[in-house]
């Protein structure tokens, strides 16, 4: 697979692999199948793997740790801290304190079985704690060699500027896809100005942009999409107009809707590295093929305009999930 630079020092595969769904949020987990997906991703040239300490309450990092015992040399690992959950509950609090950052980092290193985390994100920003204090604590972990680069998730342009003034921020991770484009207003221009890479999560709209769901879709009890505003009730029906556009243009291009959506993201900037998540080999191979799909400027602009002319029905998350977003 082709590679990209999030920063001059941080080179990764053009597409990464989001690993969250291997542990929870998208139905039952199957560790052995997930491990097959991870190894196949590596075989196909994926070098960038994204996890977090709260995915499956440490399970996801432990799963990656099993994979890294065999593939550590070829992997760039990103993980996160800052969201605190009790048991399997979705409710969360946010803790960015220096003590918690250090404790979390040590735990992630142990579970992953590595001596250094390549990219360590603040998963969500604590409302009343100065970002300068958080960056100072993370900068100390960089100096100690425990983390290689610092990232931030779901931050405002102002927070990014303040953080970057304390220590270089390597990458921002925020939701970005054809139907979630808030970052185009301020965050992407700021990343371009500061030389900060951008990592879109949910680049396929949590699967919606693949065309897999229709108005009659019923989600399993352990699939959190069944509670998200965009996937419920009349919103799910109204949003079919968006995916219809993607499906039509994908057919014209001779690719799948997922491949078109990923190729569109890759064409925005050469420092953008999407991390589509999957726990199935079929979808992994389909997604990775998108890295070889080129869109002309006219195709990219036509797709942007066609989707952008339609209103997305529903918020990205529930009220609980919006905690710390655009902080």
Protein backbone atom coordinates (compact mmCIF):
# COMPACT_ATOMS: atom_id res chain seq x y z
CA UNK A 1 0.00 0.00 0.00
CA UNK A 2 1.06 3.58 -0.61
CA UNK A 3 2.20 5.53 2.43
CA UNK A 4 1.54 9.04 3.68
CA UNK A 5 3.16 11.40 6.18
CA UNK A 6 1.00 12.73 8.99
CA UNK A 7 4.09 14.78 9.84
CA UNK A 8 7.54 14.61 8.20
CA UNK A 9 8.59 12.18 10.94
CA UNK A 10 5.44 10.03 11.09
CA UNK A 11 4.92 7.87 7.99
CA UNK A 12 1.99 5.44 7.87
CA UNK A 13 -0.02 3.46 5.33
CA UNK A 14 -2.43 5.60 3.30
CA UNK A 15 -5.32 3.81 5.00
CA UNK A 16 -5.18 2.73 8.61
CA UNK A 17 -7.35 0.22 10.42
CA UNK A 18 -9.77 1.29 13.13
CA UNK A 19 -9.95 -1.55 15.65
CA UNK A 20 -12.72 -0.38 18.01
CA UNK A 21 -15.46 -2.58 16.54
CA UNK A 22 -13.41 -5.70 17.21
CA UNK A 23 -14.19 -5.25 20.90
CA UNK A 24 -17.60 -3.59 21.24
CA UNK A 25 -20.20 -1.13 19.92
CA UNK A 26 -20.92 -3.04 16.67
CA UNK A 27 -22.30 -6.36 17.82
CA UNK A 28 -20.62 -9.50 19.22
CA UNK A 29 -16.88 -9.92 19.08
CA UNK A 30 -14.83 -12.80 17.73
CA UNK A 31 -11.17 -12.50 18.73
CA UNK A 32 -9.89 -15.18 16.37
CA UNK A 33 -11.59 -13.63 13.36
CA UNK A 34 -10.33 -10.20 14.41
CA UNK A 35 -6.78 -11.52 14.62
CA UNK A 36 -7.13 -12.92 11.10
CA UNK A 37 -8.24 -9.47 9.94
CA UNK A 38 -5.29 -7.80 11.65
CA UNK A 39 -2.78 -10.17 10.08
CA UNK A 40 -4.39 -9.88 6.66
CA UNK A 41 -4.28 -6.09 6.96
CA UNK A 42 -0.55 -6.29 7.63
CA UNK A 43 -0.09 -8.66 4.68
CA UNK A 44 -1.81 -6.10 2.43
CA UNK A 45 0.44 -3.28 3.56
CA UNK A 46 -1.49 -1.68 6.41
CA UNK A 47 0.92 -0.29 8.98
CA UNK A 48 -1.34 2.06 11.01
CA UNK A 49 -3.60 0.60 13.71
CA UNK A 50 -5.92 2.66 15.89
CA UNK A 51 -7.21 1.68 19.32
CA UNK A 52 -8.00 3.22 22.73
CA UNK A 53 -7.92 2.12 26.34
CA UNK A 54 -11.72 2.44 26.65
CA UNK A 55 -12.60 0.19 23.70
CA UNK A 56 -13.95 -2.92 25.35
CA UNK A 57 -12.56 -1.67 28.65
CA UNK A 58 -8.95 -2.54 27.72
CA UNK A 59 -9.91 -5.57 25.60
CA UNK A 60 -9.01 -3.86 22.31
CA UNK A 61 -5.49 -2.99 23.42
CA UNK A 62 -5.01 -6.52 24.73
CA UNK A 63 -6.18 -7.89 21.37
CA UNK A 64 -3.70 -5.63 19.55
CA UNK A 65 -1.04 -6.83 21.98
CA UNK A 66 -1.60 -10.41 20.83
CA UNK A 67 -1.22 -9.30 17.20
CA UNK A 68 1.89 -7.23 17.95
CA UNK A 69 3.72 -10.19 19.41
CA UNK A 70 4.16 -11.31 15.79
CA UNK A 71 3.93 -8.08 13.77
CA UNK A 72 5.39 -5.38 16.02
CA UNK A 73 8.18 -4.33 13.66
CA UNK A 74 5.82 -3.29 10.85
CA UNK A 75 3.13 -1.59 12.94
CA UNK A 76 2.53 2.03 13.91
CA UNK A 77 0.19 2.06 16.89
CA UNK A 78 -2.10 4.88 17.95
CA UNK A 79 -4.03 4.69 21.18
CA UNK A 80 -5.89 7.14 23.40
CA UNK A 81 -6.70 8.10 26.96
CA UNK A 82 -9.11 10.44 28.68
CA UNK A 83 -12.55 8.80 28.53
CA UNK A 84 -13.44 7.04 31.77
CA UNK A 85 -16.21 4.44 31.77
CA UNK A 86 -17.56 2.25 34.53
CA UNK A 87 -17.94 -1.37 33.47
CA UNK A 88 -19.79 -1.79 30.17
CA UNK A 89 -21.87 1.35 30.58
CA UNK A 90 -21.81 3.87 27.72
CA UNK A 91 -21.90 6.81 30.17
CA UNK A 92 -18.53 8.44 30.58
CA UNK A 93 -16.55 11.11 32.36
CA UNK A 94 -13.39 12.77 31.08
CA UNK A 95 -10.07 12.92 32.92
CA UNK A 96 -7.01 14.60 31.37
CA UNK A 97 -5.08 15.09 34.61
CA UNK A 98 -1.30 14.54 34.44
CA UNK A 99 -1.53 11.68 36.93
CA UNK A 100 -4.25 9.96 34.93
CA UNK A 101 -2.38 10.50 31.66
CA UNK A 102 0.72 8.80 33.07
CA UNK A 103 -1.26 5.98 34.63
CA UNK A 104 -3.16 5.42 31.39
CA UNK A 105 -0.01 5.47 29.30
CA UNK A 106 1.68 2.88 31.49
CA UNK A 107 -1.39 0.66 31.26
CA UNK A 108 -1.54 0.94 27.48
CA UNK A 109 2.16 0.14 27.12
CA UNK A 110 1.68 -2.98 29.22
CA UNK A 111 -1.42 -4.20 27.39
CA UNK A 112 0.04 -3.53 23.95
CA UNK A 113 3.35 -5.11 24.89
CA UNK A 114 5.41 -2.24 23.49
CA UNK A 115 8.04 0.09 24.92
CA UNK A 116 6.73 3.16 23.12
CA UNK A 117 3.33 4.26 21.80
CA UNK A 118 3.85 5.80 18.37
CA UNK A 119 0.90 8.22 18.55
CA UNK A 120 -0.87 8.97 21.83
CA UNK A 121 -4.14 10.90 21.62
CA UNK A 122 -6.14 12.81 24.17
CA UNK A 123 -9.42 11.03 23.43
CA UNK A 124 -11.66 13.84 24.65
CA UNK A 125 -10.80 17.19 26.22
CA UNK A 126 -11.66 17.83 29.86
CA UNK A 127 -13.81 20.94 30.02
CA UNK A 128 -12.17 22.94 32.80
CA UNK A 129 -8.57 21.77 32.54
CA UNK A 130 -6.20 24.00 30.53
CA UNK A 131 -4.94 22.22 27.43
CA UNK A 132 -1.50 23.65 28.21
CA UNK A 133 -1.39 21.53 31.38
CA UNK A 134 -2.35 18.40 29.45
CA UNK A 135 0.24 19.00 26.74
CA UNK A 136 2.91 19.63 29.33
CA UNK A 137 2.25 16.23 30.90
CA UNK A 138 2.30 14.49 27.53
CA UNK A 139 5.47 16.29 26.50
CA UNK A 140 7.14 14.79 29.56
CA UNK A 141 6.09 11.32 28.37
CA UNK A 142 7.65 12.11 24.98
CA UNK A 143 10.92 13.11 26.66
CA UNK A 144 10.89 9.86 28.61
CA UNK A 145 10.47 7.88 25.39
CA UNK A 146 7.11 6.39 26.38
CA UNK A 147 5.27 8.03 23.47
CA UNK A 148 6.55 9.16 20.10
CA UNK A 149 3.97 11.75 19.05
CA UNK A 150 1.00 13.56 20.58
CA UNK A 151 -2.46 13.69 19.04
CA UNK A 152 -5.79 15.28 19.93
CA UNK A 153 -9.33 14.09 19.18
CA UNK A 154 -12.42 16.18 18.42
CA UNK A 155 -10.89 19.57 19.27
CA UNK A 156 -11.64 23.07 18.06
CA UNK A 157 -9.15 25.04 15.98
CA UNK A 158 -8.50 27.30 18.96
CA UNK A 159 -7.64 24.38 21.23
CA UNK A 160 -5.35 22.94 18.57
CA UNK A 161 -3.45 26.23 18.31
CA UNK A 162 -3.01 26.49 22.07
CA UNK A 163 -1.86 22.88 22.33
CA UNK A 164 0.55 23.16 19.41
CA UNK A 165 2.18 26.20 21.01
CA UNK A 166 3.23 24.03 23.98
CA UNK A 167 4.42 20.97 22.04
CA UNK A 168 3.97 19.92 18.40
CA UNK A 169 0.71 18.09 17.75
CA UNK A 170 1.27 15.34 15.18
CA UNK A 171 -2.33 14.56 14.28
CA UNK A 172 -5.94 15.41 14.90
CA UNK A 173 -8.51 12.62 14.92
CA UNK A 174 -12.09 13.70 14.31
CA UNK A 175 -15.08 12.22 12.54
CA UNK A 176 -14.98 13.13 8.85
CA UNK A 177 -16.80 11.62 5.90
CA UNK A 178 -19.08 12.59 3.06
CA UNK A 179 -21.92 13.11 5.52
CA UNK A 180 -19.92 14.66 8.41
CA UNK A 181 -17.90 17.60 7.12
CA UNK A 182 -17.75 20.10 9.98
CA UNK A 183 -13.94 20.00 10.01
CA UNK A 184 -13.73 21.62 6.59
CA UNK A 185 -14.59 25.02 8.06
CA UNK A 186 -11.79 25.51 10.59
CA UNK A 187 -9.92 22.35 11.59
CA UNK A 188 -8.55 21.29 8.20
CA UNK A 189 -7.31 24.81 7.33
CA UNK A 190 -5.61 25.01 10.75
CA UNK A 191 -4.00 21.59 10.28
CA UNK A 192 -2.74 22.73 6.89
CA UNK A 193 -1.27 25.92 8.37
CA UNK A 194 0.41 24.19 11.33
CA UNK A 195 1.60 21.06 9.49
CA UNK A 196 -0.61 18.74 11.55
CA UNK A 197 -1.85 15.46 10.05
CA UNK A 198 -5.51 14.54 10.06
CA UNK A 199 -7.02 11.11 10.80
CA UNK A 200 -10.73 10.77 9.96
CA UNK A 201 -12.57 8.20 12.02
CA UNK A 202 -15.88 6.72 10.88
CA UNK A 203 -14.93 7.58 7.27
CA UNK A 204 -17.80 5.37 6.06
CA UNK A 205 -20.35 6.98 8.34
CA UNK A 206 -20.37 3.96 10.68
CA UNK A 207 -21.21 1.83 7.69
CA UNK A 208 -24.09 3.98 6.46
CA UNK A 209 -22.25 5.16 3.34
CA UNK A 210 -21.71 1.56 2.23
CA UNK A 211 -25.43 1.27 1.46
CA UNK A 212 -25.88 -1.56 3.95
CA UNK A 213 -28.85 -0.04 5.81
CA UNK A 214 -32.33 0.87 4.73
CA UNK A 215 -35.39 2.28 6.45
CA UNK A 216 -36.33 -1.17 7.75
CA UNK A 217 -32.96 -2.02 9.31
CA UNK A 218 -33.11 -3.26 12.91
CA UNK A 219 -29.89 -3.21 14.91
CA UNK A 220 -28.80 -5.81 17.46
CA UNK A 221 -29.09 -4.83 21.09
CA UNK A 222 -25.29 -4.50 21.43
CA UNK A 223 -24.92 -2.35 18.28
CA UNK A 224 -24.85 1.25 19.46
CA UNK A 225 -25.92 2.58 16.07
CA UNK A 226 -29.44 1.61 17.02
CA UNK A 227 -29.40 4.46 19.52
CA UNK A 228 -27.71 7.10 17.36
CA UNK A 229 -30.00 9.83 16.02
CA UNK A 230 -28.95 9.40 12.37
CA UNK A 231 -29.80 5.71 12.45
CA UNK A 232 -33.18 5.85 14.15
CA UNK A 233 -36.76 6.46 13.11
CA UNK A 234 -37.50 8.90 10.34
CA UNK A 235 -33.87 10.05 10.25
CA UNK A 236 -32.71 6.70 8.90
CA UNK A 237 -35.31 6.90 6.19
CA UNK A 238 -34.53 10.53 5.31
CA UNK A 239 -30.81 9.83 5.04
CA UNK A 240 -31.35 7.25 2.31
CA UNK A 241 -31.22 10.15 -0.15
CA UNK A 242 -27.55 10.63 0.74
CA UNK A 243 -26.48 7.05 0.27
CA UNK A 244 -28.45 6.87 -2.98
CA UNK A 245 -26.15 9.51 -4.43
CA UNK A 246 -23.04 7.61 -3.33
CA UNK A 247 -24.35 4.34 -4.75
CA UNK A 248 -25.21 5.91 -8.09
CA UNK A 249 -21.82 7.59 -8.49
CA UNK A 250 -19.99 4.44 -7.36
CA UNK A 251 -21.78 2.44 -10.05
CA UNK A 252 -20.68 5.00 -12.64
CA UNK A 253 -17.08 4.71 -11.38
CA UNK A 254 -17.15 0.93 -11.30
CA UNK A 255 -16.40 0.62 -7.58
CA UNK A 256 -18.31 0.01 -4.36
CA UNK A 257 -19.88 2.87 -2.37
CA UNK A 258 -17.34 2.26 0.41
CA UNK A 259 -14.42 2.56 -1.99
CA UNK A 260 -15.81 5.77 -3.45
CA UNK A 261 -16.30 7.33 -0.01
CA UNK A 262 -12.74 6.44 1.04
CA UNK A 263 -11.21 7.60 -2.24
CA UNK A 264 -13.01 10.92 -1.81
CA UNK A 265 -11.39 11.40 1.61
CA UNK A 266 -7.95 10.39 0.37
CA UNK A 267 -8.23 12.94 -2.43
CA UNK A 268 -8.83 15.86 -0.07
CA UNK A 269 -5.22 16.20 1.20
CA UNK A 270 -2.12 14.02 1.11
CA UNK A 271 -1.80 14.31 4.91
CA UNK A 272 -5.23 12.80 5.54
CA UNK A 273 -5.19 9.12 6.63
CA UNK A 274 -8.66 7.57 7.10
CA UNK A 275 -9.04 4.64 9.50
CA UNK A 276 -12.05 2.59 8.36
CA UNK A 277 -12.88 -0.07 10.91
CA UNK A 278 -13.94 -3.62 10.26
CA UNK A 279 -13.76 -7.06 11.80
CA UNK A 280 -14.44 -8.96 8.59
CA UNK A 281 -11.93 -9.96 5.92
CA UNK A 282 -14.31 -9.19 3.06
CA UNK A 283 -14.72 -5.56 4.06
CA UNK A 284 -11.05 -5.15 4.92
CA UNK A 285 -9.98 -6.14 1.43
CA UNK A 286 -12.67 -3.98 -0.15
CA UNK A 287 -11.57 -0.95 1.86
CA UNK A 288 -7.87 -1.39 1.18
CA UNK A 289 -8.53 -1.49 -2.57
CA UNK A 290 -9.81 2.08 -2.27
CA UNK A 291 -6.23 3.27 -1.76
CA UNK A 292 -5.63 2.54 -5.45
CA UNK A 293 -8.76 4.30 -6.68
CA UNK A 294 -8.11 7.73 -8.20
CA UNK A 295 -10.80 10.37 -8.51
CA UNK A 296 -10.50 13.26 -10.92
CA UNK A 297 -11.04 16.76 -9.63
CA UNK A 298 -14.35 16.86 -11.45
CA UNK A 299 -15.50 13.59 -9.89
CA UNK A 300 -14.47 14.72 -6.43
CA UNK A 301 -16.26 18.06 -6.77
CA UNK A 302 -19.37 16.47 -8.23
CA UNK A 303 -19.60 14.03 -5.33
CA UNK A 304 -19.01 16.78 -2.76
CA UNK A 305 -21.73 18.94 -4.28
CA UNK A 306 -24.25 16.13 -4.73
CA UNK A 307 -23.99 14.92 -1.13
CA UNK A 308 -23.58 18.44 0.26
CA UNK A 309 -26.87 19.54 -1.28
CA UNK A 310 -28.75 17.10 0.93
CA UNK A 311 -29.39 17.73 4.59
CA UNK A 312 -28.21 15.07 7.04
CA UNK A 313 -31.00 14.19 9.45
CA UNK A 314 -29.93 13.68 13.06
CA UNK A 315 -26.96 14.48 15.28
CA UNK A 316 -23.73 12.45 15.20
CA UNK A 317 -24.13 11.10 18.73
CA UNK A 318 -26.55 11.07 21.62
CA UNK A 319 -26.15 13.84 24.18
CA UNK A 320 -23.85 11.57 26.23
CA UNK A 321 -21.68 10.82 23.24
CA UNK A 322 -21.28 14.51 22.38
CA UNK A 323 -19.35 15.15 25.61
CA UNK A 324 -15.97 16.63 24.68
CA UNK A 325 -16.75 17.03 20.96
CA UNK A 326 -15.29 20.18 19.35
CA UNK A 327 -13.79 21.10 22.71
